[in-house]
Amino acid sequence: MYACANESIGGFMKRLGVAFVILLVVTCWFGLGHADETVVLTNGEWPPMFSKEFKHGGFGSRVCKEAFALGGVDVRYEYMPWKRGLELARVGQYAGTVGWRKSSEREKYFYFSDPLMTMNTVFFHKKSLEFDWNNLGDIATMNVGATNGYGYIDMLRPVIEQNGGKLDVASSDIANFRKLVSGRIDIFPCAEQVGYYLLRTKFIAGTADRIRHHTKPLLGGDLYLLISKKNKNGQELIERFNRGLKELRASGKFEQYENESLMGEYLPAK
């Protein structure tokens, strides 16, 4: 009888111990920031900030993913042309899209996060060209390159086409830099960091030394995460992201990742 009682007590204690271990594991799992939700965002090719080929998807992709992780959200990226990604996010096929500037038109369809990062779009030109500008009228008669899908096209097109200039639209930033290097266009707007990355990695050595940029930005300011207003949890997702981004900056990780990117640590393996 005593043996049965002891056996029963022993079995109970064993089951209690197992239950405690399971509870401890679950508590630690969620306490360590385990994602309790997954969102799918559209992304695109804009190295070195965003690229499927880069480690962590580039600096911008990593910041977005890790800020969300701190808010308990896992991120999966779907890479596609930027214009298509924006439209598919707008209609709610994806939760949102990463790496966009703020505009009144976009604010109709998206919730905007706190600024993800700051990027200036500047005019690149050959060093042999004496170029200066203060307003769009100064470039109105020039041959200006542009990349399809970028918001600045709507800003440049009416001024240039009404004043005898030419807006030469290409499919990519690389294609435009090829035109610039060969002299087929006079100037080309591109994000400063992106432009020099392309010149130094996609062209023969010394090409970047023949190109410079004007310090006055065509577009200055911040890039944002956009969450579609079609998403019923959109506001909550933005709040969770913003909290995570604030925590990422306060921890020093944001600056660490930015420096790693500038040092070339996210470049694709050769």
C-alpha atoms as a PDB file:
ATOM      1  CA  MET A   1       0.000   0.000   0.000  1.00  0.00           C
ATOM      2  CA  TYR A   2       2.764   2.404   0.969  1.00  0.00           C
ATOM      3  CA  ALA A   3       4.665   1.412  -2.157  1.00  0.00           C
ATOM      4  CA  CYS A   4       1.653   2.267  -4.319  1.00  0.00           C
ATOM      5  CA  ALA A   5       1.240   5.593  -2.537  1.00  0.00           C
ATOM      6  CA  ASN A   6       4.887   6.441  -2.977  1.00  0.00           C
ATOM      7  CA  GLU A   7       4.709   5.445  -6.626  1.00  0.00           C
ATOM      8  CA  SER A   8       1.613   7.603  -7.095  1.00  0.00           C
ATOM      9  CA  ILE A   9       3.257  10.583  -5.403  1.00  0.00           C
ATOM     10  CA  GLY A  10       6.430  10.060  -7.435  1.00  0.00           C
ATOM     11  CA  GLY A  11       4.463   9.950 -10.664  1.00  0.00           C
ATOM     12  CA  PHE A  12       2.592  13.117  -9.740  1.00  0.00           C
ATOM     13  CA  MET A  13       5.798  14.954  -8.911  1.00  0.00           C
ATOM     14  CA  LYS A  14       7.341  13.810 -12.186  1.00  0.00           C
ATOM     15  CA  ARG A  15       4.343  15.086 -14.166  1.00  0.00           C
ATOM     16  CA  LEU A  16       4.439  18.347 -12.214  1.00  0.00           C
ATOM     17  CA  GLY A  17       8.121  18.754 -13.064  1.00  0.00           C
ATOM     18  CA  VAL A  18       7.479  18.196 -16.754  1.00  0.00           C
ATOM     19  CA  ALA A  19       4.629  20.722 -16.699  1.00  0.00           C
ATOM     20  CA  PHE A  20       6.884  23.287 -14.998  1.00  0.00           C
ATOM     21  CA  VAL A  21       9.614  22.818 -17.623  1.00  0.00           C
ATOM     22  CA  ILE A  22       7.078  23.251 -20.445  1.00  0.00           C
ATOM     23  CA  LEU A  23       5.719  26.421 -18.818  1.00  0.00           C
ATOM     24  CA  LEU A  24       9.245  27.780 -18.386  1.00  0.00           C
ATOM     25  CA  VAL A  25      10.140  27.105 -22.028  1.00  0.00           C
ATOM     26  CA  VAL A  26       6.958  28.765 -23.293  1.00  0.00           C
ATOM     27  CA  THR A  27       7.515  31.792 -21.053  1.00  0.00           C
ATOM     28  CA  CYS A  28      11.105  32.193 -22.242  1.00  0.00           C
ATOM     29  CA  TRP A  29      10.061  31.680 -25.852  1.00  0.00           C
ATOM     30  CA  PHE A  30       7.651  34.588 -25.805  1.00  0.00           C
ATOM     31  CA  GLY A  31       9.757  36.652 -23.426  1.00  0.00           C
ATOM     32  CA  LEU A  32      12.610  36.596 -25.916  1.00  0.00           C
ATOM     33  CA  GLY A  33      10.466  38.301 -28.534  1.00  0.00           C
ATOM     34  CA  HIS A  34       9.135  35.320 -30.459  1.00  0.00           C
ATOM     35  CA  ALA A  35       7.038  36.625 -33.339  1.00  0.00           C
ATOM     36  CA  ASP A  36       3.319  36.054 -32.814  1.00  0.00           C
ATOM     37  CA  GLU A  37       2.369  37.391 -36.260  1.00  0.00           C
ATOM     38  CA  THR A  38       3.817  37.322 -39.782  1.00  0.00           C
ATOM     39  CA  VAL A  39       3.421  40.068 -42.377  1.00  0.00           C
ATOM     40  CA  VAL A  40       4.442  39.977 -46.031  1.00  0.00           C
ATOM     41  CA  LEU A  41       5.870  43.230 -47.436  1.00  0.00           C
ATOM     42  CA  THR A  42       6.860  44.111 -50.990  1.00  0.00           C
ATOM     43  CA  ASN A  43      10.481  45.056 -51.509  1.00  0.00           C
ATOM     44  CA  GLY A  44      12.662  45.813 -54.524  1.00  0.00           C
ATOM     45  CA  GLU A  45      16.134  46.302 -55.903  1.00  0.00           C
ATOM     46  CA  TRP A  46      17.732  49.532 -54.688  1.00  0.00           C
ATOM     47  CA  PRO A  47      21.183  48.488 -53.498  1.00  0.00           C
ATOM     48  CA  PRO A  48      22.870  48.989 -51.169  1.00  0.00           C
ATOM     49  CA  MET A  49      19.771  49.798 -49.109  1.00  0.00           C
ATOM     50  CA  PHE A  50      17.398  47.138 -50.459  1.00  0.00           C
ATOM     51  CA  SER A  51      18.364  44.068 -52.474  1.00  0.00           C
ATOM     52  CA  LYS A  52      17.473  40.393 -52.536  1.00  0.00           C
ATOM     53  CA  GLU A  53      21.113  39.584 -53.301  1.00  0.00           C
ATOM     54  CA  PHE A  54      22.572  41.407 -50.289  1.00  0.00           C
ATOM     55  CA  LYS A  55      23.195  39.964 -46.856  1.00  0.00           C
ATOM     56  CA  HIS A  56      20.106  40.691 -44.710  1.00  0.00           C
ATOM     57  CA  GLY A  57      18.491  42.164 -47.841  1.00  0.00           C
ATOM     58  CA  GLY A  58      20.545  45.328 -47.413  1.00  0.00           C
ATOM     59  CA  PHE A  59      20.621  47.878 -44.600  1.00  0.00           C
ATOM     60  CA  GLY A  60      17.051  49.126 -45.021  1.00  0.00           C
ATOM     61  CA  SER A  61      15.572  45.634 -45.189  1.00  0.00           C
ATOM     62  CA  ARG A  62      17.428  44.577 -42.053  1.00  0.00           C
ATOM     63  CA  VAL A  63      16.320  47.601 -40.042  1.00  0.00           C
ATOM     64  CA  CYS A  64      12.684  47.052 -41.012  1.00  0.00           C
ATOM     65  CA  LYS A  65      12.752  43.331 -40.247  1.00  0.00           C
ATOM     66  CA  GLU A  66      14.494  43.681 -36.885  1.00  0.00           C
ATOM     67  CA  ALA A  67      12.373  46.627 -35.729  1.00  0.00           C
ATOM     68  CA  PHE A  68       9.276  44.560 -36.425  1.00  0.00           C
ATOM     69  CA  ALA A  69      10.814  41.546 -34.643  1.00  0.00           C
ATOM     70  CA  LEU A  70      11.201  43.650 -31.492  1.00  0.00           C
ATOM     71  CA  GLY A  71       7.467  44.291 -31.747  1.00  0.00           C
ATOM     72  CA  GLY A  72       6.681  40.590 -32.025  1.00  0.00           C
ATOM     73  CA  VAL A  73       6.128  40.565 -35.794  1.00  0.00           C
ATOM     74  CA  ASP A  74       7.995  38.409 -38.297  1.00  0.00           C
ATOM     75  CA  VAL A  75       8.569  39.888 -41.768  1.00  0.00           C
ATOM     76  CA  ARG A  76       8.751  38.078 -45.090  1.00  0.00           C
ATOM     77  CA  TYR A  77       9.711  40.034 -48.214  1.00  0.00           C
ATOM     78  CA  GLU A  78       8.433  39.544 -51.743  1.00  0.00           C
ATOM     79  CA  TYR A  79      10.788  41.198 -54.255  1.00  0.00           C
ATOM     80  CA  MET A  80       9.347  42.775 -57.416  1.00  0.00           C
ATOM     81  CA  PRO A  81       9.538  46.009 -59.443  1.00  0.00           C
ATOM     82  CA  TRP A  82       8.921  48.968 -57.129  1.00  0.00           C
ATOM     83  CA  LYS A  83       5.918  50.373 -58.979  1.00  0.00           C
ATOM     84  CA  ARG A  84       4.155  46.984 -58.999  1.00  0.00           C
ATOM     85  CA  GLY A  85       4.957  46.409 -55.338  1.00  0.00           C
ATOM     86  CA  LEU A  86       3.440  49.749 -54.351  1.00  0.00           C
ATOM     87  CA  GLU A  87       0.246  49.039 -56.289  1.00  0.00           C
ATOM     88  CA  LEU A  88      -0.184  45.499 -54.928  1.00  0.00           C
ATOM     89  CA  ALA A  89       0.292  46.805 -51.390  1.00  0.00           C
ATOM     90  CA  ARG A  90      -2.153  49.654 -52.060  1.00  0.00           C
ATOM     91  CA  VAL A  91      -4.975  47.261 -52.986  1.00  0.00           C
ATOM     92  CA  GLY A  92      -4.241  45.057 -49.980  1.00  0.00           C
ATOM     93  CA  GLN A  93      -2.692  42.047 -51.691  1.00  0.00           C
ATOM     94  CA  TYR A  94       0.306  42.561 -49.386  1.00  0.00           C
ATOM     95  CA  ALA A  95       0.378  44.054 -45.896  1.00  0.00           C
ATOM     96  CA  GLY A  96       2.597  46.905 -47.012  1.00  0.00           C
ATOM     97  CA  THR A  97       5.792  47.985 -48.706  1.00  0.00           C
ATOM     98  CA  VAL A  98       9.138  49.264 -47.496  1.00  0.00           C
ATOM     99  CA  GLY A  99      11.355  52.192 -48.501  1.00  0.00           C
ATOM    100  CA  TRP A 100       9.112  55.014 -49.782  1.00  0.00           C
ATOM    101  CA  ARG A 101       8.971  58.771 -49.447  1.00  0.00           C
ATOM    102  CA  LYS A 102       5.886  60.467 -48.066  1.00  0.00           C
ATOM    103  CA  SER A 103       3.396  62.074 -50.462  1.00  0.00           C
ATOM    104  CA  SER A 104      -0.193  63.282 -50.154  1.00  0.00           C
ATOM    105  CA  GLU A 105      -1.278  60.717 -52.761  1.00  0.00           C
ATOM    106  CA  ARG A 106       0.283  57.802 -50.874  1.00  0.00           C
ATOM    107  CA  GLU A 107      -1.192  59.003 -47.592  1.00  0.00           C
ATOM    108  CA  LYS A 108      -4.650  58.324 -49.043  1.00  0.00           C
ATOM    109  CA  TYR A 109      -3.934  54.595 -49.150  1.00  0.00           C
ATOM    110  CA  PHE A 110      -1.217  53.897 -46.564  1.00  0.00           C
ATOM    111  CA  TYR A 111      -0.329  54.358 -42.907  1.00  0.00           C
ATOM    112  CA  PHE A 112       3.206  55.764 -42.597  1.00  0.00           C
ATOM    113  CA  SER A 113       5.720  54.669 -39.983  1.00  0.00           C
ATOM    114  CA  ASP A 114       8.228  56.872 -38.225  1.00  0.00           C
ATOM    115  CA  PRO A 115      11.171  57.606 -40.574  1.00  0.00           C
ATOM    116  CA  LEU A 116      13.104  54.466 -41.435  1.00  0.00           C
ATOM    117  CA  MET A 117      16.177  56.339 -42.725  1.00  0.00           C
ATOM    118  CA  THR A 118      17.182  59.553 -44.472  1.00  0.00           C
ATOM    119  CA  MET A 119      18.097  59.556 -48.167  1.00  0.00           C
ATOM    120  CA  ASN A 120      18.823  62.502 -50.480  1.00  0.00           C
ATOM    121  CA  THR A 121      18.224  62.262 -54.230  1.00  0.00           C
ATOM    122  CA  VAL A 122      20.775  64.418 -56.064  1.00  0.00           C
ATOM    123  CA  PHE A 123      21.700  65.144 -59.677  1.00  0.00           C
ATOM    124  CA  PHE A 124      24.731  63.235 -60.971  1.00  0.00           C
ATOM    125  CA  HIS A 125      26.716  64.611 -63.906  1.00  0.00           C
ATOM    126  CA  LYS A 126      30.092  64.257 -65.587  1.00  0.00           C
ATOM    127  CA  LYS A 127      32.887  66.286 -64.030  1.00  0.00           C
ATOM    128  CA  SER A 128      33.513  67.799 -67.459  1.00  0.00           C
ATOM    129  CA  LEU A 129      30.067  69.462 -67.350  1.00  0.00           C
ATOM    130  CA  GLU A 130      29.858  72.794 -65.542  1.00  0.00           C
ATOM    131  CA  PHE A 131      26.541  72.279 -63.809  1.00  0.00           C
ATOM    132  CA  ASP A 132      24.684  74.308 -61.211  1.00  0.00           C
ATOM    133  CA  TRP A 133      21.021  74.636 -60.364  1.00  0.00           C
ATOM    134  CA  ASN A 134      18.755  76.423 -57.887  1.00  0.00           C
ATOM    135  CA  ASN A 135      15.297  75.638 -59.263  1.00  0.00           C
ATOM    136  CA  LEU A 136      13.786  73.322 -61.867  1.00  0.00           C
ATOM    137  CA  GLY A 137      13.857  76.093 -64.465  1.00  0.00           C
ATOM    138  CA  ASP A 138      17.663  75.741 -64.496  1.00  0.00           C
ATOM    139  CA  ILE A 139      17.409  72.205 -65.904  1.00  0.00           C
ATOM    140  CA  ALA A 140      14.369  72.746 -68.144  1.00  0.00           C
ATOM    141  CA  THR A 141      16.334  72.726 -71.413  1.00  0.00           C
ATOM    142  CA  MET A 142      18.647  69.843 -70.548  1.00  0.00           C
ATOM    143  CA  ASN A 143      18.593  66.153 -71.440  1.00  0.00           C
ATOM    144  CA  VAL A 144      17.623  64.599 -68.110  1.00  0.00           C
ATOM    145  CA  GLY A 145      17.658  60.897 -67.326  1.00  0.00           C
ATOM    146  CA  ALA A 146      14.942  59.303 -65.183  1.00  0.00           C
ATOM    147  CA  THR A 147      14.112  55.810 -63.960  1.00  0.00           C
ATOM    148  CA  ASN A 148      10.660  54.379 -64.604  1.00  0.00           C
ATOM    149  CA  GLY A 149       8.437  54.160 -61.538  1.00  0.00           C
ATOM    150  CA  TYR A 150      10.137  56.866 -59.491  1.00  0.00           C
ATOM    151  CA  GLY A 151       8.010  59.681 -58.088  1.00  0.00           C
ATOM    152  CA  TYR A 152      10.245  62.502 -59.292  1.00  0.00           C
ATOM    153  CA  ILE A 153       9.144  61.884 -62.914  1.00  0.00           C
ATOM    154  CA  ASP A 154       5.828  63.661 -62.309  1.00  0.00           C
ATOM    155  CA  MET A 155       7.751  66.611 -60.888  1.00  0.00           C
ATOM    156  CA  LEU A 156      10.238  66.877 -63.764  1.00  0.00           C
ATOM    157  CA  ARG A 157       8.157  66.009 -66.829  1.00  0.00           C
ATOM    158  CA  PRO A 158       5.998  69.162 -67.206  1.00  0.00           C
ATOM    159  CA  VAL A 159       8.881  71.581 -66.622  1.00  0.00           C
ATOM    160  CA  ILE A 160      11.251  69.841 -69.038  1.00  0.00           C
ATOM    161  CA  GLU A 161       8.795  69.030 -71.824  1.00  0.00           C
ATOM    162  CA  GLN A 162       7.334  72.549 -71.848  1.00  0.00           C
ATOM    163  CA  ASN A 163      10.724  74.220 -72.171  1.00  0.00           C
ATOM    164  CA  GLY A 164      12.434  72.268 -74.928  1.00  0.00           C
ATOM    165  CA  GLY A 165      14.328  69.804 -72.774  1.00  0.00           C
ATOM    166  CA  LYS A 166      14.054  66.017 -72.861  1.00  0.00           C
ATOM    167  CA  LEU A 167      13.120  63.567 -70.130  1.00  0.00           C
ATOM    168  CA  ASP A 168      14.802  60.299 -71.094  1.00  0.00           C
ATOM    169  CA  VAL A 169      13.162  57.486 -69.096  1.00  0.00           C
ATOM    170  CA  ALA A 170      15.010  54.176 -68.671  1.00  0.00           C
ATOM    171  CA  SER A 171      14.149  50.940 -66.906  1.00  0.00           C
ATOM    172  CA  SER A 172      16.830  51.137 -64.193  1.00  0.00           C
ATOM    173  CA  ASP A 173      19.353  53.373 -62.450  1.00  0.00           C
ATOM    174  CA  ILE A 174      22.169  51.352 -64.018  1.00  0.00           C
ATOM    175  CA  ALA A 175      20.807  52.011 -67.500  1.00  0.00           C
ATOM    176  CA  ASN A 176      20.729  55.723 -66.746  1.00  0.00           C
ATOM    177  CA  PHE A 177      24.295  55.761 -65.478  1.00  0.00           C
ATOM    178  CA  ARG A 178      25.372  54.042 -68.693  1.00  0.00           C
ATOM    179  CA  LYS A 179      23.711  56.876 -70.616  1.00  0.00           C
ATOM    180  CA  LEU A 180      25.369  59.453 -68.382  1.00  0.00           C
ATOM    181  CA  VAL A 181      28.831  57.953 -68.776  1.00  0.00           C
ATOM    182  CA  SER A 182      28.417  57.740 -72.569  1.00  0.00           C
ATOM    183  CA  GLY A 183      27.139  61.325 -72.803  1.00  0.00           C
ATOM    184  CA  ARG A 184      23.610  60.487 -73.978  1.00  0.00           C
ATOM    185  CA  ILE A 185      22.083  62.412 -71.049  1.00  0.00           C
ATOM    186  CA  ASP A 186      23.374  65.480 -69.209  1.00  0.00           C
ATOM    187  CA  ILE A 187      22.211  64.808 -65.655  1.00  0.00           C
ATOM    188  CA  PHE A 188      20.456  62.051 -63.749  1.00  0.00           C
ATOM    189  CA  PRO A 189      18.770  62.089 -60.303  1.00  0.00           C
ATOM    190  CA  CYS A 190      19.605  59.234 -57.951  1.00  0.00           C
ATOM    191  CA  ALA A 191      19.988  58.672 -54.219  1.00  0.00           C
ATOM    192  CA  GLU A 192      23.542  59.655 -53.350  1.00  0.00           C
ATOM    193  CA  GLN A 193      24.553  56.406 -51.624  1.00  0.00           C
ATOM    194  CA  VAL A 194      22.925  54.292 -54.316  1.00  0.00           C
ATOM    195  CA  GLY A 195      24.552  56.229 -57.144  1.00  0.00           C
ATOM    196  CA  TYR A 196      28.097  55.844 -55.908  1.00  0.00           C
ATOM    197  CA  TYR A 197      27.522  52.191 -55.051  1.00  0.00           C
ATOM    198  CA  LEU A 198      26.445  51.521 -58.648  1.00  0.00           C
ATOM    199  CA  LEU A 199      29.306  53.511 -60.156  1.00  0.00           C
ATOM    200  CA  ARG A 200      31.887  51.658 -58.049  1.00  0.00           C
ATOM    201  CA  THR A 201      30.510  48.137 -58.440  1.00  0.00           C
ATOM    202  CA  LYS A 202      28.790  47.966 -61.841  1.00  0.00           C
ATOM    203  CA  PHE A 203      31.268  49.881 -64.010  1.00  0.00           C
ATOM    204  CA  ILE A 204      34.938  49.598 -64.864  1.00  0.00           C
ATOM    205  CA  ALA A 205      37.446  50.949 -62.369  1.00  0.00           C
ATOM    206  CA  GLY A 206      37.816  54.705 -62.497  1.00  0.00           C
ATOM    207  CA  THR A 207      34.293  55.422 -63.769  1.00  0.00           C
ATOM    208  CA  ALA A 208      33.198  56.927 -60.450  1.00  0.00           C
ATOM    209  CA  ASP A 209      36.151  59.340 -60.637  1.00  0.00           C
ATOM    210  CA  ARG A 210      34.663  60.879 -63.788  1.00  0.00           C
ATOM    211  CA  ILE A 211      31.265  61.544 -62.196  1.00  0.00           C
ATOM    212  CA  ARG A 212      30.197  63.912 -59.456  1.00  0.00           C
ATOM    213  CA  HIS A 213      26.940  65.021 -57.866  1.00  0.00           C
ATOM    214  CA  HIS A 214      25.480  68.417 -57.108  1.00  0.00           C
ATOM    215  CA  THR A 215      25.068  68.905 -53.362  1.00  0.00           C
ATOM    216  CA  LYS A 216      21.608  70.491 -53.620  1.00  0.00           C
ATOM    217  CA  PRO A 217      19.044  67.682 -53.292  1.00  0.00           C
ATOM    218  CA  LEU A 218      16.223  67.296 -55.758  1.00  0.00           C
ATOM    219  CA  LEU A 219      14.419  65.325 -53.069  1.00  0.00           C
ATOM    220  CA  GLY A 220      15.568  65.324 -49.494  1.00  0.00           C
ATOM    221  CA  GLY A 221      14.307  63.575 -46.481  1.00  0.00           C
ATOM    222  CA  ASP A 222      13.112  60.324 -45.131  1.00  0.00           C
ATOM    223  CA  LEU A 223      12.061  56.881 -46.294  1.00  0.00           C
ATOM    224  CA  TYR A 224       9.215  55.081 -44.573  1.00  0.00           C
ATOM    225  CA  LEU A 225       7.508  51.757 -44.086  1.00  0.00           C
ATOM    226  CA  LEU A 226       4.014  51.883 -45.604  1.00  0.00           C
ATOM    227  CA  ILE A 227       1.178  49.668 -44.345  1.00  0.00           C
ATOM    228  CA  SER A 228      -1.932  49.413 -46.498  1.00  0.00           C
ATOM    229  CA  LYS A 229      -5.131  50.938 -45.117  1.00  0.00           C
ATOM    230  CA  LYS A 230      -6.834  47.818 -46.481  1.00  0.00           C
ATOM    231  CA  ASN A 231      -5.190  45.958 -43.597  1.00  0.00           C
ATOM    232  CA  LYS A 232      -7.591  45.955 -40.621  1.00  0.00           C
ATOM    233  CA  ASN A 233      -4.627  45.794 -38.214  1.00  0.00           C
ATOM    234  CA  GLY A 234      -2.674  48.483 -40.075  1.00  0.00           C
ATOM    235  CA  GLN A 235      -2.539  51.070 -37.297  1.00  0.00           C
ATOM    236  CA  GLU A 236      -1.503  48.464 -34.748  1.00  0.00           C
ATOM    237  CA  LEU A 237       1.279  47.190 -37.033  1.00  0.00           C
ATOM    238  CA  ILE A 238       2.624  50.724 -37.433  1.00  0.00           C
ATOM    239  CA  GLU A 239       2.607  51.238 -33.665  1.00  0.00           C
ATOM    240  CA  ARG A 240       4.440  47.958 -33.043  1.00  0.00           C
ATOM    241  CA  PHE A 241       6.979  48.803 -35.735  1.00  0.00           C
ATOM    242  CA  ASN A 242       7.585  52.296 -34.355  1.00  0.00           C
ATOM    243  CA  ARG A 243       8.192  50.936 -30.862  1.00  0.00           C
ATOM    244  CA  GLY A 244      10.658  48.407 -32.232  1.00  0.00           C
ATOM    245  CA  LEU A 245      12.455  51.028 -34.354  1.00  0.00           C
ATOM    246  CA  LYS A 246      12.820  53.309 -31.345  1.00  0.00           C
ATOM    247  CA  GLU A 247      14.257  50.420 -29.328  1.00  0.00           C
ATOM    248  CA  LEU A 248      16.633  49.479 -32.168  1.00  0.00           C
ATOM    249  CA  ARG A 249      18.001  53.038 -32.309  1.00  0.00           C
ATOM    250  CA  ALA A 250      18.341  53.317 -28.519  1.00  0.00           C
ATOM    251  CA  SER A 251      20.284  50.048 -28.355  1.00  0.00           C
ATOM    252  CA  GLY A 252      22.901  51.246 -30.844  1.00  0.00           C
ATOM    253  CA  LYS A 253      22.019  48.469 -33.307  1.00  0.00           C
ATOM    254  CA  PHE A 254      20.727  50.893 -35.946  1.00  0.00           C
ATOM    255  CA  GLU A 255      24.056  52.734 -36.052  1.00  0.00           C
ATOM    256  CA  GLN A 256      25.930  49.407 -36.011  1.00  0.00           C
ATOM    257  CA  TYR A 257      24.010  48.102 -39.039  1.00  0.00           C
ATOM    258  CA  GLU A 258      24.467  51.396 -40.891  1.00  0.00           C
ATOM    259  CA  ASN A 259      28.235  51.289 -40.343  1.00  0.00           C
ATOM    260  CA  GLU A 260      28.369  47.637 -41.429  1.00  0.00           C
ATOM    261  CA  SER A 261      26.582  48.585 -44.639  1.00  0.00           C
ATOM    262  CA  LEU A 262      28.956  51.490 -45.322  1.00  0.00           C
ATOM    263  CA  MET A 263      31.914  49.149 -44.796  1.00  0.00           C
ATOM    264  CA  GLY A 264      30.564  46.804 -47.471  1.00  0.00           C
ATOM    265  CA  GLU A 265      29.747  43.944 -45.127  1.00  0.00           C
ATOM    266  CA  TYR A 266      26.325  43.356 -46.738  1.00  0.00           C
ATOM    267  CA  LEU A 267      27.610  43.114 -50.305  1.00  0.00           C
ATOM    268  CA  PRO A 268      26.717  39.906 -52.182  1.00  0.00           C
ATOM    269  CA  ALA A 269      29.261  37.138 -52.129  1.00  0.00           C
ATOM    270  CA  LYS A 270      31.343  37.107 -55.313  1.00  0.00           C
END
